[in-house]
């Protein structure tokens, strides 16, 4: 039986990945972005979905991967955010991009440690 925290971590990771996959494709279509760039953004969304699904099979490694990805995404966006974007928008977007995978990854990793400690 899975603990509620793992179910919450799975939901958080999937909601994060699904939202951004949809957002990347929808924004590219709305801005009439060239197909090559749209495919690139769809690939990033697919990568997010894969990152969200890996911990389902390998909680320890997948959780660590998800947490590291959240940190890297947050740092990358902080560096390369659009310069004209207002500061509050940068902070909110950065938290929405990097926060959920970081939190979900930590919960997956903590759950793996709790299960290992019980055995």
N, C-alpha and C. Protein backbone atom coordinates (compact mmCIF):
# COMPACT_ATOMS: atom_id res chain seq x y z
N UNK A 1 0.84 -1.19 0.00
CA UNK A 1 0.00 0.00 0.00
C UNK A 1 0.88 1.25 0.00
N UNK A 2 0.55 2.18 -0.85
CA UNK A 2 1.30 3.42 -0.94
C UNK A 2 0.80 4.41 0.10
N UNK A 3 1.71 5.12 0.69
CA UNK A 3 1.35 6.14 1.66
C UNK A 3 0.74 7.34 0.94
N UNK A 4 -0.11 8.10 1.63
CA UNK A 4 -0.72 9.28 1.00
C UNK A 4 0.32 10.27 0.47
N UNK A 5 1.48 10.37 1.12
CA UNK A 5 2.46 11.34 0.64
C UNK A 5 3.00 10.96 -0.73
N UNK A 6 3.07 9.66 -1.04
CA UNK A 6 3.51 9.25 -2.37
C UNK A 6 2.45 9.56 -3.40
N UNK A 7 1.20 9.37 -3.04
CA UNK A 7 0.11 9.70 -3.96
C UNK A 7 0.10 11.20 -4.24
N UNK A 8 0.33 11.99 -3.21
CA UNK A 8 0.40 13.45 -3.38
C UNK A 8 1.60 13.83 -4.24
N UNK A 9 2.74 13.19 -4.01
CA UNK A 9 3.94 13.48 -4.81
C UNK A 9 3.70 13.12 -6.27
N UNK A 10 3.06 11.99 -6.53
CA UNK A 10 2.76 11.59 -7.91
C UNK A 10 1.83 12.60 -8.57
N UNK A 11 0.78 12.99 -7.83
CA UNK A 11 -0.17 13.96 -8.39
C UNK A 11 0.51 15.30 -8.67
N UNK A 12 1.34 15.75 -7.74
CA UNK A 12 2.05 17.02 -7.92
C UNK A 12 2.96 16.97 -9.14
N UNK A 13 3.72 15.88 -9.27
CA UNK A 13 4.64 15.75 -10.40
C UNK A 13 3.88 15.69 -11.73
N UNK A 14 2.79 14.93 -11.76
CA UNK A 14 2.02 14.83 -13.01
C UNK A 14 1.30 16.13 -13.36
N UNK A 15 0.76 16.81 -12.36
CA UNK A 15 0.12 18.10 -12.62
C UNK A 15 1.13 19.11 -13.14
N UNK A 16 2.30 19.13 -12.54
CA UNK A 16 3.36 20.04 -12.99
C UNK A 16 3.75 19.74 -14.43
N UNK A 17 4.04 18.49 -14.71
CA UNK A 17 4.49 18.11 -16.05
C UNK A 17 3.38 18.30 -17.08
N UNK A 18 2.16 17.90 -16.74
CA UNK A 18 1.05 18.05 -17.67
C UNK A 18 0.74 19.51 -17.98
N UNK A 19 0.77 20.34 -16.93
CA UNK A 19 0.50 21.76 -17.15
C UNK A 19 1.53 22.37 -18.09
N UNK A 20 2.81 22.12 -17.83
CA UNK A 20 3.84 22.75 -18.66
C UNK A 20 3.88 22.17 -20.06
N UNK A 21 3.62 20.87 -20.21
CA UNK A 21 3.56 20.29 -21.56
C UNK A 21 2.44 20.97 -22.35
N UNK A 22 1.27 21.11 -21.72
CA UNK A 22 0.15 21.79 -22.38
C UNK A 22 0.50 23.26 -22.66
N UNK A 23 1.07 23.93 -21.68
CA UNK A 23 1.39 25.35 -21.83
C UNK A 23 2.37 25.58 -22.98
N UNK A 24 3.41 24.77 -23.04
CA UNK A 24 4.42 24.96 -24.10
C UNK A 24 3.80 24.83 -25.49
N UNK A 25 2.98 23.81 -25.68
CA UNK A 25 2.37 23.59 -26.99
C UNK A 25 1.31 24.65 -27.27
N UNK A 26 0.46 24.96 -26.29
CA UNK A 26 -0.59 25.95 -26.50
C UNK A 26 -0.01 27.34 -26.79
N UNK A 27 1.03 27.71 -26.06
CA UNK A 27 1.64 29.01 -26.30
C UNK A 27 2.28 29.07 -27.69
N UNK A 28 2.95 27.98 -28.08
CA UNK A 28 3.57 27.95 -29.40
C UNK A 28 2.50 28.08 -30.50
N UNK A 29 1.37 27.43 -30.31
CA UNK A 29 0.28 27.52 -31.30
C UNK A 29 -0.33 28.92 -31.29
N UNK A 30 -0.52 29.49 -30.11
CA UNK A 30 -1.14 30.81 -30.02
C UNK A 30 -0.27 31.89 -30.66
N UNK A 31 1.03 31.76 -30.54
CA UNK A 31 1.96 32.74 -31.10
C UNK A 31 2.37 32.39 -32.52
N UNK A 32 1.75 31.34 -33.07
CA UNK A 32 2.07 30.88 -34.43
C UNK A 32 3.57 30.68 -34.60
N UNK A 33 4.13 29.98 -33.64
CA UNK A 33 5.56 29.67 -33.63
C UNK A 33 5.87 28.68 -34.76
N UNK A 34 7.03 28.80 -35.41
CA UNK A 34 7.39 27.83 -36.45
C UNK A 34 7.37 26.40 -35.92
N UNK A 35 7.09 25.46 -36.81
CA UNK A 35 6.94 24.06 -36.42
C UNK A 35 8.19 23.54 -35.70
N UNK A 36 9.35 23.89 -36.18
CA UNK A 36 10.60 23.40 -35.57
C UNK A 36 10.70 23.81 -34.10
N UNK A 37 10.34 25.03 -33.80
CA UNK A 37 10.39 25.51 -32.42
C UNK A 37 9.27 24.88 -31.59
N UNK A 38 8.09 24.72 -32.19
CA UNK A 38 6.99 24.07 -31.49
C UNK A 38 7.36 22.65 -31.11
N UNK A 39 8.02 21.93 -32.02
CA UNK A 39 8.45 20.56 -31.72
C UNK A 39 9.48 20.56 -30.59
N UNK A 40 10.36 21.55 -30.58
CA UNK A 40 11.34 21.66 -29.49
C UNK A 40 10.63 21.85 -28.15
N UNK A 41 9.65 22.75 -28.10
CA UNK A 41 8.91 22.99 -26.85
C UNK A 41 8.09 21.76 -26.46
N UNK A 42 7.52 21.08 -27.44
CA UNK A 42 6.78 19.84 -27.13
C UNK A 42 7.73 18.79 -26.57
N UNK A 43 8.97 18.77 -27.06
CA UNK A 43 9.98 17.86 -26.53
C UNK A 43 10.32 18.17 -25.08
N UNK A 44 10.38 19.43 -24.74
CA UNK A 44 10.64 19.82 -23.35
C UNK A 44 9.47 19.37 -22.47
N UNK A 45 8.26 19.55 -22.97
CA UNK A 45 7.08 19.09 -22.22
C UNK A 45 7.09 17.57 -22.04
N UNK A 46 7.49 16.85 -23.08
CA UNK A 46 7.60 15.39 -22.99
C UNK A 46 8.69 15.00 -21.99
N UNK A 47 9.79 15.71 -21.97
CA UNK A 47 10.85 15.45 -21.00
C UNK A 47 10.32 15.65 -19.57
N UNK A 48 9.53 16.70 -19.35
CA UNK A 48 8.92 16.92 -18.04
C UNK A 48 8.02 15.75 -17.65
N UNK A 49 7.23 15.24 -18.61
CA UNK A 49 6.35 14.10 -18.32
C UNK A 49 7.17 12.86 -17.97
N UNK A 50 8.26 12.63 -18.68
CA UNK A 50 9.12 11.48 -18.38
C UNK A 50 9.73 11.63 -17.00
N UNK A 51 10.20 12.83 -16.68
CA UNK A 51 10.76 13.09 -15.34
C UNK A 51 9.73 12.83 -14.25
N UNK A 52 8.46 13.13 -14.53
CA UNK A 52 7.41 12.92 -13.54
C UNK A 52 7.08 11.44 -13.37
N UNK A 53 7.29 10.64 -14.40
CA UNK A 53 6.93 9.22 -14.35
C UNK A 53 8.04 8.32 -13.83
N UNK A 54 9.28 8.73 -13.94
CA UNK A 54 10.41 7.89 -13.50
C UNK A 54 10.31 7.49 -12.04
N UNK A 55 9.95 8.38 -11.11
CA UNK A 55 9.87 7.97 -9.69
C UNK A 55 8.80 6.92 -9.40
N UNK A 56 7.87 6.69 -10.31
CA UNK A 56 6.85 5.67 -10.07
C UNK A 56 7.48 4.29 -10.04
N UNK A 57 8.54 4.10 -10.80
CA UNK A 57 9.21 2.81 -10.82
C UNK A 57 10.43 2.75 -9.92
N UNK A 58 11.12 3.85 -9.80
CA UNK A 58 12.35 3.91 -9.00
C UNK A 58 12.27 5.15 -8.11
N UNK A 59 11.69 4.97 -6.93
CA UNK A 59 11.43 6.12 -6.06
C UNK A 59 12.70 6.85 -5.65
N UNK A 60 13.70 6.12 -5.26
CA UNK A 60 14.92 6.77 -4.75
C UNK A 60 15.63 7.53 -5.86
N UNK A 61 15.98 6.83 -6.92
CA UNK A 61 16.69 7.48 -8.03
C UNK A 61 15.83 8.47 -8.77
N UNK A 62 14.57 8.10 -9.00
CA UNK A 62 13.67 9.01 -9.71
C UNK A 62 13.36 10.25 -8.90
N UNK A 63 13.20 10.08 -7.58
CA UNK A 63 12.97 11.24 -6.73
C UNK A 63 14.17 12.18 -6.72
N UNK A 64 15.36 11.61 -6.64
CA UNK A 64 16.58 12.44 -6.69
C UNK A 64 16.69 13.14 -8.04
N UNK A 65 16.40 12.41 -9.12
CA UNK A 65 16.45 13.01 -10.46
C UNK A 65 15.44 14.15 -10.58
N UNK A 66 14.25 13.94 -10.07
CA UNK A 66 13.21 14.97 -10.12
C UNK A 66 13.61 16.19 -9.30
N UNK A 67 14.17 15.97 -8.12
CA UNK A 67 14.61 17.09 -7.28
C UNK A 67 15.74 17.88 -7.94
N UNK A 68 16.71 17.17 -8.48
CA UNK A 68 17.82 17.85 -9.17
C UNK A 68 17.31 18.60 -10.40
N UNK A 69 16.39 17.99 -11.13
CA UNK A 69 15.81 18.66 -12.30
C UNK A 69 15.09 19.94 -11.87
N UNK A 70 14.35 19.88 -10.75
CA UNK A 70 13.67 21.08 -10.25
C UNK A 70 14.65 22.19 -9.92
N UNK A 71 15.74 21.83 -9.27
CA UNK A 71 16.78 22.83 -8.96
C UNK A 71 17.39 23.42 -10.23
N UNK A 72 17.74 22.54 -11.17
CA UNK A 72 18.36 23.01 -12.41
C UNK A 72 17.41 23.87 -13.24
N UNK A 73 16.14 23.48 -13.29
CA UNK A 73 15.15 24.27 -14.02
C UNK A 73 15.00 25.64 -13.38
N UNK A 74 14.94 25.67 -12.05
CA UNK A 74 14.83 26.95 -11.36
C UNK A 74 16.02 27.86 -11.60
N UNK A 75 17.21 27.30 -11.54
CA UNK A 75 18.42 28.09 -11.78
C UNK A 75 18.48 28.55 -13.24
N UNK A 76 18.16 27.65 -14.17
CA UNK A 76 18.20 28.01 -15.59
C UNK A 76 17.21 29.13 -15.90
N UNK A 77 16.01 29.03 -15.35
CA UNK A 77 15.03 30.08 -15.62
C UNK A 77 15.45 31.40 -14.97
N UNK A 78 16.04 31.33 -13.79
CA UNK A 78 16.50 32.55 -13.13
C UNK A 78 17.57 33.26 -13.98
N UNK A 79 18.39 32.48 -14.66
CA UNK A 79 19.45 33.05 -15.49
C UNK A 79 18.89 33.57 -16.82
N UNK A 80 18.03 32.77 -17.46
CA UNK A 80 17.59 33.08 -18.82
C UNK A 80 16.15 33.57 -18.92
N UNK A 81 15.58 34.07 -17.86
CA UNK A 81 14.21 34.61 -17.92
C UNK A 81 14.19 35.81 -18.85
N UNK A 82 13.07 36.05 -19.52
CA UNK A 82 12.97 37.23 -20.38
C UNK A 82 13.28 38.50 -19.60
N UNK A 83 14.20 39.32 -20.09
CA UNK A 83 14.64 40.50 -19.32
C UNK A 83 13.53 41.52 -19.08
N UNK A 84 12.54 41.61 -19.94
CA UNK A 84 11.47 42.61 -19.76
C UNK A 84 10.38 42.13 -18.82
N UNK A 85 10.42 40.88 -18.41
CA UNK A 85 9.41 40.34 -17.51
C UNK A 85 9.56 40.99 -16.13
N UNK A 86 8.47 41.48 -15.56
CA UNK A 86 8.57 42.10 -14.22
C UNK A 86 9.09 41.09 -13.19
N UNK A 87 9.78 41.60 -12.19
CA UNK A 87 10.39 40.74 -11.18
C UNK A 87 9.40 39.80 -10.50
N UNK A 88 8.21 40.28 -10.07
CA UNK A 88 7.27 39.35 -9.44
C UNK A 88 6.86 38.20 -10.38
N UNK A 89 6.71 38.50 -11.65
CA UNK A 89 6.37 37.45 -12.62
C UNK A 89 7.51 36.45 -12.76
N UNK A 90 8.73 36.93 -12.72
CA UNK A 90 9.89 36.03 -12.78
C UNK A 90 9.90 35.08 -11.59
N UNK A 91 9.66 35.62 -10.40
CA UNK A 91 9.68 34.81 -9.19
C UNK A 91 8.57 33.76 -9.23
N UNK A 92 7.37 34.18 -9.58
CA UNK A 92 6.24 33.24 -9.62
C UNK A 92 6.49 32.15 -10.66
N UNK A 93 6.93 32.53 -11.85
CA UNK A 93 7.21 31.54 -12.89
C UNK A 93 8.32 30.60 -12.46
N UNK A 94 9.34 31.14 -11.83
CA UNK A 94 10.44 30.31 -11.37
C UNK A 94 9.96 29.30 -10.33
N UNK A 95 9.12 29.75 -9.41
CA UNK A 95 8.57 28.83 -8.41
C UNK A 95 7.67 27.77 -9.04
N UNK A 96 6.90 28.15 -10.05
CA UNK A 96 6.02 27.19 -10.72
C UNK A 96 6.79 26.21 -11.61
N UNK A 97 7.91 26.64 -12.12
CA UNK A 97 8.73 25.75 -12.95
C UNK A 97 9.57 24.79 -12.11
N UNK A 98 10.24 25.31 -11.11
CA UNK A 98 11.18 24.48 -10.35
C UNK A 98 10.68 23.93 -9.03
N UNK A 99 9.70 24.58 -8.43
CA UNK A 99 9.22 24.17 -7.11
C UNK A 99 8.53 22.82 -7.05
N UNK A 100 7.53 22.56 -7.90
CA UNK A 100 6.83 21.27 -7.81
C UNK A 100 7.72 20.04 -8.02
N UNK A 101 8.62 20.03 -9.02
CA UNK A 101 9.45 18.84 -9.14
C UNK A 101 10.42 18.68 -7.97
N UNK A 102 10.89 19.80 -7.45
CA UNK A 102 11.78 19.74 -6.29
C UNK A 102 11.03 19.15 -5.09
N UNK A 103 9.84 19.66 -4.82
CA UNK A 103 9.05 19.16 -3.69
C UNK A 103 8.66 17.69 -3.88
N UNK A 104 8.18 17.33 -5.07
CA UNK A 104 7.78 15.95 -5.33
C UNK A 104 8.98 15.01 -5.23
N UNK A 105 10.12 15.43 -5.76
CA UNK A 105 11.32 14.60 -5.68
C UNK A 105 11.75 14.35 -4.25
N UNK A 106 11.69 15.37 -3.42
CA UNK A 106 12.05 15.22 -2.01
C UNK A 106 11.09 14.27 -1.31
N UNK A 107 9.79 14.38 -1.61
CA UNK A 107 8.80 13.48 -0.99
C UNK A 107 9.03 12.04 -1.43
N UNK A 108 9.30 11.81 -2.72
CA UNK A 108 9.60 10.46 -3.19
C UNK A 108 10.81 9.90 -2.46
N UNK A 109 11.85 10.70 -2.33
CA UNK A 109 13.08 10.25 -1.69
C UNK A 109 12.84 9.97 -0.21
N UNK A 110 12.07 10.84 0.46
CA UNK A 110 11.76 10.62 1.88
C UNK A 110 10.93 9.35 2.07
N UNK A 111 10.00 9.10 1.17
CA UNK A 111 9.18 7.90 1.28
C UNK A 111 10.05 6.66 1.11
N UNK A 112 10.96 6.68 0.18
CA UNK A 112 11.85 5.53 -0.01
C UNK A 112 12.67 5.28 1.25
N UNK A 113 13.16 6.34 1.86
CA UNK A 113 13.94 6.19 3.11
C UNK A 113 13.07 5.65 4.23
N UNK A 114 11.82 6.10 4.33
CA UNK A 114 10.92 5.62 5.39
C UNK A 114 10.61 4.14 5.20
N UNK A 115 10.38 3.73 3.97
CA UNK A 115 10.10 2.31 3.69
C UNK A 115 11.33 1.46 3.98
N UNK A 116 12.51 1.96 3.59
CA UNK A 116 13.75 1.22 3.83
C UNK A 116 14.03 1.11 5.32
N UNK A 117 13.69 2.11 6.09
CA UNK A 117 13.93 2.08 7.53
C UNK A 117 13.02 1.07 8.24
N UNK A 118 11.82 0.86 7.69
CA UNK A 118 10.89 -0.10 8.28
C UNK A 118 11.29 -1.55 8.04
N UNK A 119 12.04 -1.77 6.98
CA UNK A 119 12.41 -3.16 6.66
C UNK A 119 13.71 -3.57 7.27
